[in-house]
Amino acid sequence: MLFREPCYIARLGETMNRFAPKPPWLKVRAPGGETYHEIKRTLRRLDLHTVCEEARCPNVGECWREGTATVMLLGDVCTRGCRFCAVTTGNPRGAVDGREPEHVARAVAAMGLSYVVMTMVNRDDLLDGGAEHVATTVRRLRELRADILIETLVGDFLGHLRSVDTVVDAAPDVFAHNVEVVRSQQRAIRDARCSYEQSLGVLRRAKERAPHAFTKSSLMVGVGETEEEVLASLADLRAAGVDIVTIGQYLRPTPRHASVMRYVTPEEFDGYRRAGEALGFAHVASGPLVRSSYKAAEAFVRGVLRAEGKDLEAAESVLANRAQLAREGAARVAGEVELLIPAGRLLRRTADASA
């Protein structure tokens, strides 16, 4: 393909001017709506971290309005320093909130969500990378709300497959791990402890461990890759057994992060979608503002329908039915389960009392 838009592409060897105007297809409406604001108030009250906010996702308003949220487990400090990510990097020194699985499960169960993504910061300071912590949260939420769809978006656990098994055995509806970028851009974009092959190995193991469950991964484009490399990555993911893939434009969160090399056009994204569907993915979400958890509930439902050979037009009615079940389930849990006081709030209260 030839890219001739001078405002939206850097010449070979250059980086995009961060003051250059973004193309019109990257403009989004400010988040709002009753459901969005209710979820935001609940998250703040319960001291829950979401990657929707930490990673400054442009789709936060749309997803929250549709009853999907991404909750971040194991704190908000990541042990890795990838050049695309806005999450704080540091060393938590093994600190884990033992109350978090119960707290998150009770809080999410009472929120009226129909689909929750449980993601995590990388915790290389923990022996199992935090796998059992994630698995415990999944199992407890399943006990409280059997109707809710659960996706786990986890790290690579440094390639330790026993940790992958721990999460898969908790039976999330979707096991997700992101390769992030094409093979050639791994070292420029991801932390040195990550690797393309290591990520493919995690996804392959998850599929082998639970063949009938869905696996999912995500690619960012606009960081210097070629079209051929994107297509090769899609083929690699499909060969590893991945069922659902998302492809989106990389957007630089701060001037300290990796530069955007070019803005990929909506037409190119549509081409990637068609290529992914031809490879046999159950669902491909490809667009400038698509992120790993973008319309995750819809992606799952459409993936199930496609895998079962059913009419994709039924997706809207299935989603509406699940939303109604979510509201009923949340109302029941809210009346039966007492929410825990978040550990962070307990610590602040103790500090205030001793002051």
Protein backbone atom coordinates (compact mmCIF):
# COMPACT_ATOMS: atom_id res chain seq x y z
CA MET A 1 0.00 0.00 0.00
CA LEU A 2 1.05 3.59 -0.56
CA PHE A 3 0.40 6.20 2.13
CA ARG A 4 0.30 9.74 0.76
CA GLU A 5 -1.29 11.78 3.54
CA PRO A 6 1.54 14.12 4.67
CA CYS A 7 -0.13 15.03 7.97
CA TYR A 8 -0.62 11.43 9.01
CA ILE A 9 2.63 9.66 8.16
CA ALA A 10 6.29 10.15 9.00
CA ARG A 11 8.92 9.57 6.33
CA LEU A 12 11.14 6.52 6.74
CA GLY A 13 13.54 7.02 9.66
CA GLU A 14 11.52 9.85 11.19
CA THR A 15 8.92 9.98 13.95
CA MET A 16 5.57 11.70 13.87
CA ASN A 17 5.56 15.29 15.13
CA ARG A 18 3.56 15.05 18.35
CA PHE A 19 2.03 18.46 17.67
CA ALA A 20 0.76 17.40 14.23
CA PRO A 21 -3.04 17.22 14.00
CA LYS A 22 -4.66 13.83 14.47
CA PRO A 23 -6.85 12.59 11.63
CA PRO A 24 -10.61 13.10 11.98
CA TRP A 25 -11.33 9.41 12.47
CA LEU A 26 -9.57 9.51 15.86
CA LYS A 27 -11.96 12.04 17.38
CA VAL A 28 -14.27 10.69 20.10
CA ARG A 29 -17.10 12.19 22.11
CA ALA A 30 -16.51 12.97 25.77
CA PRO A 31 -17.76 10.10 27.95
CA GLY A 32 -21.14 10.51 29.61
CA GLY A 33 -24.54 8.99 30.24
CA GLU A 34 -26.27 7.67 33.35
CA THR A 35 -24.66 4.21 33.27
CA TYR A 36 -21.19 5.67 32.70
CA HIS A 37 -21.43 8.06 35.63
CA GLU A 38 -22.93 5.41 37.92
CA ILE A 39 -20.05 3.01 37.16
CA LYS A 40 -17.51 5.80 37.69
CA ARG A 41 -19.02 6.71 41.08
CA THR A 42 -19.08 3.06 42.14
CA LEU A 43 -15.46 2.50 41.11
CA ARG A 44 -14.31 5.53 43.10
CA ARG A 45 -16.35 4.56 46.16
CA LEU A 46 -14.91 1.05 46.14
CA ASP A 47 -11.30 2.04 45.33
CA LEU A 48 -11.25 -0.21 42.27
CA HIS A 49 -8.54 0.37 39.66
CA THR A 50 -9.54 0.08 36.00
CA VAL A 51 -7.25 -0.14 33.01
CA CYS A 52 -9.92 1.90 31.20
CA GLU A 53 -8.66 4.90 33.19
CA GLU A 54 -5.05 3.91 33.90
CA ALA A 55 -4.34 3.33 30.20
CA ARG A 56 -6.43 6.37 29.15
CA CYS A 57 -8.59 4.32 26.80
CA PRO A 58 -10.56 6.47 24.31
CA ASN A 59 -13.52 4.06 24.47
CA VAL A 60 -14.14 4.24 28.21
CA GLY A 61 -17.48 6.01 27.83
CA GLU A 62 -18.81 3.64 25.17
CA CYS A 63 -17.83 0.46 27.01
CA TRP A 64 -19.09 1.61 30.42
CA ARG A 65 -22.41 2.66 28.92
CA GLU A 66 -22.77 -0.86 27.52
CA GLY A 67 -22.07 -2.54 30.87
CA THR A 68 -18.48 -3.65 30.22
CA ALA A 69 -15.52 -2.64 32.38
CA THR A 70 -11.91 -3.73 32.82
CA VAL A 71 -10.81 -4.09 36.44
CA MET A 72 -7.08 -4.13 37.21
CA LEU A 73 -5.90 -6.58 39.87
CA LEU A 74 -2.73 -6.72 41.97
CA GLY A 75 -2.40 -2.97 42.41
CA ASP A 76 -1.54 -0.22 39.97
CA VAL A 77 2.26 -0.57 39.83
CA CYS A 78 3.73 -2.77 37.08
CA THR A 79 7.18 -4.33 37.32
CA ARG A 80 7.80 -3.77 33.62
CA GLY A 81 8.38 -0.63 31.61
CA CYS A 82 6.88 -1.06 28.14
CA ARG A 83 7.21 2.06 25.97
CA PHE A 84 3.53 2.17 24.97
CA CYS A 85 1.90 1.87 28.39
CA ALA A 86 0.80 4.63 30.78
CA VAL A 87 0.54 2.37 33.85
CA THR A 88 3.05 3.27 36.61
CA THR A 89 6.29 1.24 36.60
CA GLY A 90 8.01 0.25 39.84
CA ASN A 91 8.76 -2.53 42.31
CA PRO A 92 5.84 -3.48 44.59
CA ARG A 93 8.28 -5.71 46.58
CA GLY A 94 5.84 -8.58 46.89
CA ALA A 95 3.00 -6.51 48.34
CA VAL A 96 -0.40 -8.10 47.69
CA ASP A 97 -3.78 -7.16 49.13
CA GLY A 98 -5.15 -10.51 50.29
CA ARG A 99 -8.63 -9.03 50.55
CA GLU A 100 -8.71 -7.97 46.91
CA PRO A 101 -10.21 -11.14 45.34
CA GLU A 102 -13.19 -11.07 47.71
CA HIS A 103 -13.52 -7.29 47.53
CA VAL A 104 -13.39 -7.18 43.72
CA ALA A 105 -15.74 -10.14 43.34
CA ARG A 106 -18.37 -8.61 45.63
CA ALA A 107 -18.05 -5.16 44.09
CA VAL A 108 -18.21 -6.33 40.46
CA ALA A 109 -21.10 -8.69 41.23
CA ALA A 110 -23.14 -5.78 42.59
CA MET A 111 -22.36 -3.36 39.74
CA GLY A 112 -24.74 -4.60 37.04
CA LEU A 113 -22.00 -5.46 34.57
CA SER A 114 -22.77 -8.15 32.01
CA TYR A 115 -19.10 -8.63 31.05
CA VAL A 116 -15.99 -7.93 33.08
CA VAL A 117 -12.38 -8.04 31.98
CA MET A 118 -10.02 -8.86 34.83
CA THR A 119 -6.60 -7.64 33.83
CA MET A 120 -3.45 -7.27 35.87
CA VAL A 121 -0.19 -5.45 36.07
CA ASN A 122 2.87 -7.64 35.52
CA ARG A 123 4.10 -8.85 38.90
CA ASP A 124 7.52 -10.36 38.30
CA ASP A 125 8.18 -9.90 42.03
CA LEU A 126 5.75 -12.76 42.84
CA LEU A 127 6.67 -16.44 42.47
CA ASP A 128 3.62 -17.26 40.35
CA GLY A 129 3.35 -13.80 38.79
CA GLY A 130 0.00 -13.29 40.54
CA ALA A 131 -1.77 -16.17 38.75
CA GLU A 132 -3.44 -17.66 41.84
CA HIS A 133 -4.66 -14.20 42.88
CA VAL A 134 -6.39 -13.78 39.52
CA ALA A 135 -7.80 -17.31 39.60
CA THR A 136 -9.22 -16.82 43.10
CA THR A 137 -10.99 -13.64 41.99
CA VAL A 138 -12.52 -15.41 38.98
CA ARG A 139 -13.78 -18.33 41.06
CA ARG A 140 -15.30 -16.10 43.73
CA LEU A 141 -17.08 -13.85 41.21
CA ARG A 142 -18.46 -16.95 39.48
CA GLU A 143 -19.92 -18.08 42.82
CA LEU A 144 -21.70 -14.75 43.27
CA ARG A 145 -22.84 -14.16 39.68
CA ALA A 146 -23.06 -17.22 37.45
CA ASP A 147 -24.52 -15.06 34.66
CA ILE A 148 -21.58 -12.68 34.26
CA LEU A 149 -19.09 -13.25 31.44
CA ILE A 150 -15.48 -13.13 32.64
CA GLU A 151 -12.39 -12.43 30.57
CA THR A 152 -8.91 -12.63 32.08
CA LEU A 153 -6.35 -10.42 30.33
CA VAL A 154 -3.06 -11.49 31.86
CA GLY A 155 0.67 -11.07 31.42
CA ASP A 156 3.08 -13.71 30.17
CA PHE A 157 4.19 -14.86 33.66
CA LEU A 158 7.77 -14.84 32.29
CA GLY A 159 6.77 -17.86 30.23
CA HIS A 160 6.02 -20.08 33.25
CA LEU A 161 3.26 -22.28 31.88
CA ARG A 162 2.17 -23.55 35.29
CA SER A 163 0.94 -20.04 36.03
CA VAL A 164 -0.95 -20.01 32.72
CA ASP A 165 -2.60 -23.28 33.76
CA THR A 166 -3.62 -21.77 37.09
CA VAL A 167 -5.60 -19.01 35.39
CA VAL A 168 -7.07 -21.24 32.68
CA ASP A 169 -8.22 -23.79 35.27
CA ALA A 170 -10.31 -21.09 36.98
CA ALA A 171 -12.48 -21.32 33.82
CA PRO A 172 -12.80 -17.74 32.57
CA ASP A 173 -14.98 -17.45 29.48
CA VAL A 174 -12.08 -15.84 27.60
CA PHE A 175 -8.34 -16.15 28.26
CA ALA A 176 -6.56 -13.13 26.79
CA HIS A 177 -2.91 -12.19 26.45
CA ASN A 178 -1.62 -9.53 24.07
CA VAL A 179 1.35 -9.85 21.75
CA GLU A 180 0.93 -6.03 21.45
CA VAL A 181 3.00 -5.44 18.28
CA VAL A 182 4.46 -7.35 15.34
CA ARG A 183 7.65 -9.36 15.79
CA SER A 184 10.02 -6.68 14.45
CA GLN A 185 8.78 -4.00 16.88
CA GLN A 186 8.89 -6.06 20.07
CA ARG A 187 12.21 -4.77 21.37
CA ALA A 188 11.42 -1.16 20.51
CA ILE A 189 8.00 -1.17 22.19
CA ARG A 190 7.82 -3.85 24.89
CA ASP A 191 9.90 -4.45 28.01
CA ALA A 192 12.99 -6.64 27.51
CA ARG A 193 11.40 -9.39 29.62
CA CYS A 194 8.63 -9.78 27.00
CA SER A 195 9.01 -11.57 23.69
CA TYR A 196 6.86 -12.42 20.70
CA GLU A 197 7.55 -16.16 20.98
CA GLN A 198 6.93 -16.14 24.72
CA SER A 199 3.54 -14.53 24.19
CA LEU A 200 2.60 -17.00 21.46
CA GLY A 201 3.64 -19.79 23.83
CA VAL A 202 1.28 -18.50 26.53
CA LEU A 203 -1.64 -18.35 24.10
CA ARG A 204 -0.84 -21.77 22.67
CA ARG A 205 -0.73 -23.32 26.15
CA ALA A 206 -4.04 -21.74 27.14
CA LYS A 207 -5.73 -23.26 24.07
CA GLU A 208 -4.19 -26.66 24.69
CA ARG A 209 -5.28 -26.57 28.33
CA ALA A 210 -8.90 -25.62 27.55
CA PRO A 211 -9.60 -26.36 23.87
CA HIS A 212 -13.25 -25.32 24.04
CA ALA A 213 -12.65 -21.97 25.74
CA PHE A 214 -11.96 -18.78 23.78
CA THR A 215 -8.49 -17.26 23.56
CA LYS A 216 -7.87 -13.68 22.54
CA SER A 217 -5.00 -11.35 21.67
CA SER A 218 -4.41 -7.81 20.44
CA LEU A 219 -2.16 -5.88 18.08
CA MET A 220 -1.30 -2.17 17.99
CA VAL A 221 -0.36 -0.65 14.64
CA GLY A 222 1.20 2.64 13.63
CA VAL A 223 4.52 1.96 15.38
CA GLY A 224 6.63 1.20 12.30
CA GLU A 225 5.29 -2.15 11.10
CA THR A 226 4.49 -3.07 7.51
CA GLU A 227 1.24 -4.47 6.18
CA GLU A 228 2.96 -7.79 5.49
CA GLU A 229 4.12 -7.99 9.11
CA VAL A 230 0.59 -7.43 10.43
CA LEU A 231 -0.74 -10.19 8.18
CA ALA A 232 2.08 -12.49 9.34
CA SER A 233 1.23 -11.76 12.98
CA LEU A 234 -2.42 -12.59 12.35
CA ALA A 235 -1.36 -15.90 10.85
CA ASP A 236 0.91 -16.61 13.83
CA LEU A 237 -1.91 -15.88 16.29
CA ARG A 238 -4.34 -18.11 14.43
CA ALA A 239 -1.77 -20.91 14.32
CA ALA A 240 -1.44 -20.58 18.11
CA GLY A 241 -5.18 -21.24 18.45
CA VAL A 242 -6.33 -17.66 19.10
CA ASP A 243 -10.07 -17.23 18.46
CA ILE A 244 -10.58 -13.47 18.86
CA VAL A 245 -8.20 -10.73 17.80
CA THR A 246 -8.36 -6.94 18.07
CA ILE A 247 -6.30 -4.48 16.02
CA GLY A 248 -6.10 -0.78 16.89
CA GLN A 249 -4.10 2.40 16.39
CA TYR A 250 -1.31 3.06 18.88
CA LEU A 251 -1.77 6.46 20.53
CA ARG A 252 1.11 7.96 22.46
CA PRO A 253 -0.01 8.50 26.09
CA THR A 254 2.73 11.01 27.00
CA PRO A 255 5.84 12.54 25.34
CA ARG A 256 7.96 10.04 27.32
CA HIS A 257 6.46 7.09 25.47
CA ALA A 258 7.17 5.65 22.02
CA SER A 259 6.28 7.91 19.13
CA VAL A 260 3.47 7.29 16.67
CA MET A 261 5.04 6.53 13.29
CA ARG A 262 1.85 6.94 11.31
CA TYR A 263 -1.94 6.92 11.57
CA VAL A 264 -3.42 3.88 9.88
CA THR A 265 -6.52 4.63 7.81
CA PRO A 266 -9.95 3.09 8.45
CA GLU A 267 -9.73 1.42 5.03
CA GLU A 268 -6.55 -0.39 6.05
CA PHE A 269 -8.15 -1.53 9.30
CA ASP A 270 -11.05 -2.91 7.32
CA GLY A 271 -8.57 -4.80 5.17
CA TYR A 272 -7.00 -6.33 8.27
CA ARG A 273 -10.46 -7.35 9.48
CA ARG A 274 -11.20 -9.14 6.22
CA ALA A 275 -7.80 -10.85 6.29
CA GLY A 276 -8.38 -12.03 9.86
CA GLU A 277 -11.81 -13.39 9.05
CA ALA A 278 -10.33 -15.25 6.07
CA LEU A 279 -7.83 -16.89 8.42
CA GLY A 280 -10.71 -18.30 10.46
CA PHE A 281 -10.83 -16.14 13.59
CA ALA A 282 -14.20 -16.35 15.35
CA HIS A 283 -14.22 -12.55 15.64
CA VAL A 284 -11.96 -9.72 14.45
CA ALA A 285 -12.36 -6.19 15.81
CA SER A 286 -10.22 -3.86 13.72
CA GLY A 287 -10.40 -0.07 13.74
CA PRO A 288 -8.52 3.10 14.72
CA LEU A 289 -10.00 3.27 18.23
CA VAL A 290 -10.24 -0.47 18.90
CA ARG A 291 -8.48 -1.62 22.07
CA SER A 292 -8.00 -5.07 23.58
CA SER A 293 -11.21 -4.87 25.61
CA TYR A 294 -13.21 -2.86 23.06
CA LYS A 295 -16.83 -4.04 23.04
CA ALA A 296 -15.58 -7.24 24.67
CA ALA A 297 -19.07 -8.58 25.32
CA GLU A 298 -20.08 -8.12 21.68
CA ALA A 299 -16.84 -9.72 20.50
CA PHE A 300 -17.48 -12.75 22.69
CA VAL A 301 -21.12 -13.16 21.68
CA ARG A 302 -20.36 -12.77 17.99
CA GLY A 303 -17.47 -15.22 18.34
CA VAL A 304 -19.74 -17.80 19.93
CA LEU A 305 -22.41 -17.33 17.27
CA ARG A 306 -19.88 -17.62 14.45
CA ALA A 307 -18.29 -20.71 16.01
CA GLU A 308 -21.73 -22.33 16.30
CA GLY A 309 -22.65 -21.36 12.74
CA LYS A 310 -25.53 -19.17 13.88
CA ASP A 311 -26.83 -15.89 12.44
CA LEU A 312 -24.71 -12.96 13.67
CA GLU A 313 -27.83 -10.76 13.55
CA ALA A 314 -28.89 -12.48 16.77
CA ALA A 315 -26.04 -10.78 18.65
CA GLU A 316 -28.07 -7.70 19.62
CA SER A 317 -30.87 -9.71 21.19
CA VAL A 318 -28.39 -11.96 23.01
CA LEU A 319 -26.59 -8.90 24.41
CA ALA A 320 -29.87 -7.30 25.48
CA ASN A 321 -30.88 -10.50 27.26
CA ARG A 322 -27.53 -10.68 29.04
CA ALA A 323 -27.86 -7.05 30.11
CA GLN A 324 -31.22 -7.81 31.69
CA LEU A 325 -29.78 -10.85 33.49
CA ALA A 326 -26.92 -8.66 34.72
CA ARG A 327 -29.30 -6.11 36.21
CA GLU A 328 -31.28 -8.82 37.96
CA GLY A 329 -28.14 -10.54 39.22
CA ALA A 330 -26.66 -7.30 40.52
CA ALA A 331 -29.87 -6.43 42.35
CA ARG A 332 -29.88 -9.84 44.02
CA VAL A 333 -26.23 -9.64 45.07
CA ALA A 334 -26.64 -6.09 46.35
CA GLY A 335 -29.38 -7.31 48.66
CA GLU A 336 -27.52 -10.38 49.88
CA VAL A 337 -23.83 -9.52 50.04
CA GLU A 338 -22.25 -6.84 52.18
CA LEU A 339 -19.53 -4.92 50.35
CA LEU A 340 -16.14 -4.87 52.01
CA ILE A 341 -14.45 -1.64 53.03
CA PRO A 342 -11.52 -1.32 50.57
CA ALA A 343 -8.13 -1.97 52.12
CA GLY A 344 -6.85 1.37 50.85
CA ARG A 345 -9.59 3.18 52.70
CA LEU A 346 -8.84 1.21 55.88
CA LEU A 347 -5.20 2.29 55.67
CA ARG A 348 -6.19 5.92 55.20
CA ARG A 349 -8.54 5.72 58.17
CA THR A 350 -5.77 4.25 60.34
CA ALA A 351 -3.37 6.98 59.25
CA ASP A 352 -5.95 9.68 59.97
CA ALA A 353 -6.67 8.25 63.41
CA SER A 354 -3.00 8.20 64.38
CA ALA A 355 -2.33 11.71 63.12
